[in-house]
Amino acid sequence: MVNGETSFTRVNVERNNINVLHASNVLKIP
């Protein structure tokens, strides 16, 4: 259970990082 939850959280963190990078790239476009 702990390993499954850790991997699930890791996927969410990576997904959030991708969203933040995408948002920052969009904001950089004038």
PDB file of N, CA and C in Angstrom:
ATOM      1  N   MET A   1       0.844  -1.205   0.000  1.00  0.00           N
ATOM      2  CA  MET A   1       0.000   0.000   0.000  1.00  0.00           C
ATOM      3  C   MET A   1       0.880   1.256   0.000  1.00  0.00           C
ATOM      4  N   VAL A   2       1.897   1.272   0.871  1.00  0.00           N
ATOM      5  CA  VAL A   2       2.748   2.462   0.966  1.00  0.00           C
ATOM      6  C   VAL A   2       3.463   2.700  -0.365  1.00  0.00           C
ATOM      7  N   ASN A   3       3.999   1.631  -0.957  1.00  0.00           N
ATOM      8  CA  ASN A   3       4.707   1.786  -2.226  1.00  0.00           C
ATOM      9  C   ASN A   3       3.755   2.272  -3.314  1.00  0.00           C
ATOM     10  N   GLY A   4       2.533   1.742  -3.328  1.00  0.00           N
ATOM     11  CA  GLY A   4       1.549   2.159  -4.326  1.00  0.00           C
ATOM     12  C   GLY A   4       1.197   3.622  -4.152  1.00  0.00           C
ATOM     13  N   GLU A   5       1.008   4.041  -2.903  1.00  0.00           N
ATOM     14  CA  GLU A   5       0.654   5.439  -2.645  1.00  0.00           C
ATOM     15  C   GLU A   5       1.814   6.353  -3.018  1.00  0.00           C
ATOM     16  N   THR A   6       3.032   5.902  -2.764  1.00  0.00           N
ATOM     17  CA  THR A   6       4.204   6.720  -3.078  1.00  0.00           C
ATOM     18  C   THR A   6       4.321   6.913  -4.586  1.00  0.00           C
ATOM     19  N   SER A   7       4.137   5.838  -5.351  1.00  0.00           N
ATOM     20  CA  SER A   7       4.237   5.937  -6.806  1.00  0.00           C
ATOM     21  C   SER A   7       3.112   6.808  -7.343  1.00  0.00           C
ATOM     22  N   PHE A   8       1.923   6.691  -6.747  1.00  0.00           N
ATOM     23  CA  PHE A   8       0.780   7.494  -7.196  1.00  0.00           C
ATOM     24  C   PHE A   8       1.048   8.971  -6.944  1.00  0.00           C
ATOM     25  N   THR A   9       1.585   9.270  -5.757  1.00  0.00           N
ATOM     26  CA  THR A   9       1.905  10.665  -5.420  1.00  0.00           C
ATOM     27  C   THR A   9       2.990  11.188  -6.348  1.00  0.00           C
ATOM     28  N   ARG A  10       3.950  10.336  -6.663  1.00  0.00           N
ATOM     29  CA  ARG A  10       5.050  10.750  -7.540  1.00  0.00           C
ATOM     30  C   ARG A  10       4.498  11.127  -8.917  1.00  0.00           C
ATOM     31  N   VAL A  11       3.541  10.357  -9.409  1.00  0.00           N
ATOM     32  CA  VAL A  11       2.936  10.654 -10.715  1.00  0.00           C
ATOM     33  C   VAL A  11       2.219  11.995 -10.657  1.00  0.00           C
ATOM     34  N   ASN A  12       1.510  12.252  -9.557  1.00  0.00           N
ATOM     35  CA  ASN A  12       0.794  13.526  -9.416  1.00  0.00           C
ATOM     36  C   ASN A  12       1.776  14.686  -9.385  1.00  0.00           C
ATOM     37  N   VAL A  13       2.891  14.510  -8.682  1.00  0.00           N
ATOM     38  CA  VAL A  13       3.897  15.579  -8.598  1.00  0.00           C
ATOM     39  C   VAL A  13       4.475  15.861  -9.979  1.00  0.00           C
ATOM     40  N   GLU A  14       4.798  14.808 -10.723  1.00  0.00           N
ATOM     41  CA  GLU A  14       5.355  15.003 -12.060  1.00  0.00           C
ATOM     42  C   GLU A  14       4.335  15.687 -12.959  1.00  0.00           C
ATOM     43  N   ARG A  15       3.072  15.293 -12.820  1.00  0.00           N
ATOM     44  CA  ARG A  15       2.012  15.893 -13.638  1.00  0.00           C
ATOM     45  C   ARG A  15       1.871  17.375 -13.303  1.00  0.00           C
ATOM     46  N   ASN A  16       1.957  17.704 -12.009  1.00  0.00           N
ATOM     47  CA  ASN A  16       1.861  19.108 -11.585  1.00  0.00           C
ATOM     48  C   ASN A  16       3.041  19.901 -12.132  1.00  0.00           C
ATOM     49  N   ASN A  17       4.226  19.303 -12.118  1.00  0.00           N
ATOM     50  CA  ASN A  17       5.419  19.990 -12.628  1.00  0.00           C
ATOM     51  C   ASN A  17       5.249  20.297 -14.113  1.00  0.00           C
ATOM     52  N   ILE A  18       4.686  19.341 -14.862  1.00  0.00           N
ATOM     53  CA  ILE A  18       4.471  19.547 -16.300  1.00  0.00           C
ATOM     54  C   ILE A  18       3.483  20.686 -16.511  1.00  0.00           C
ATOM     55  N   ASN A  19       2.424  20.718 -15.694  1.00  0.00           N
ATOM     56  CA  ASN A  19       1.421  21.783 -15.821  1.00  0.00           C
ATOM     57  C   ASN A  19       2.042  23.138 -15.524  1.00  0.00           C
ATOM     58  N   VAL A  20       2.895  23.207 -14.504  1.00  0.00           N
ATOM     59  CA  VAL A  20       3.537  24.474 -14.144  1.00  0.00           C
ATOM     60  C   VAL A  20       4.465  24.931 -15.266  1.00  0.00           C
ATOM     61  N   LEU A  21       5.243  24.012 -15.822  1.00  0.00           N
ATOM     62  CA  LEU A  21       6.155  24.372 -16.907  1.00  0.00           C
ATOM     63  C   LEU A  21       5.364  24.855 -18.113  1.00  0.00           C
ATOM     64  N   HIS A  22       4.266  24.178 -18.427  1.00  0.00           N
ATOM     65  CA  HIS A  22       3.440  24.562 -19.568  1.00  0.00           C
ATOM     66  C   HIS A  22       2.852  25.951 -19.344  1.00  0.00           C
ATOM     67  N   ALA A  23       2.351  26.198 -18.137  1.00  0.00           N
ATOM     68  CA  ALA A  23       1.753  27.498 -17.818  1.00  0.00           C
ATOM     69  C   ALA A  23       2.807  28.596 -17.907  1.00  0.00           C
ATOM     70  N   SER A  24       4.011  28.336 -17.403  1.00  0.00           N
ATOM     71  CA  SER A  24       5.071  29.347 -17.426  1.00  0.00           C
ATOM     72  C   SER A  24       5.467  29.640 -18.870  1.00  0.00           C
ATOM     73  N   ASN A  25       5.506  28.608 -19.713  1.00  0.00           N
ATOM     74  CA  ASN A  25       5.859  28.813 -21.120  1.00  0.00           C
ATOM     75  C   ASN A  25       4.794  29.650 -21.818  1.00  0.00           C
ATOM     76  N   VAL A  26       3.530  29.400 -21.495  1.00  0.00           N
ATOM     77  CA  VAL A  26       2.439  30.155 -22.113  1.00  0.00           C
ATOM     78  C   VAL A  26       2.500  31.614 -21.676  1.00  0.00           C
ATOM     79  N   LEU A  27       2.810  31.830 -20.382  1.00  0.00           N
ATOM     80  CA  LEU A  27       2.866  33.205 -19.869  1.00  0.00           C
ATOM     81  C   LEU A  27       4.037  33.969 -20.480  1.00  0.00           C
ATOM     82  N   LYS A  28       5.092  33.254 -20.864  1.00  0.00           N
ATOM     83  CA  LYS A  28       6.264  33.922 -21.440  1.00  0.00           C
ATOM     84  C   LYS A  28       5.956  34.452 -22.840  1.00  0.00           C
ATOM     85  N   ILE A  29       4.959  33.887 -23.495  1.00  0.00           N
ATOM     86  CA  ILE A  29       4.609  34.342 -24.848  1.00  0.00           C
ATOM     87  C   ILE A  29       3.861  35.671 -24.749  1.00  0.00           C
ATOM     88  N   PRO A  30       4.355  36.724 -25.385  1.00  0.00           N
ATOM     89  CA  PRO A  30       3.716  38.051 -25.315  1.00  0.00           C
ATOM     90  C   PRO A  30       2.391  38.078 -26.073  1.00  0.00           C
TER      91      PRO A  30
END
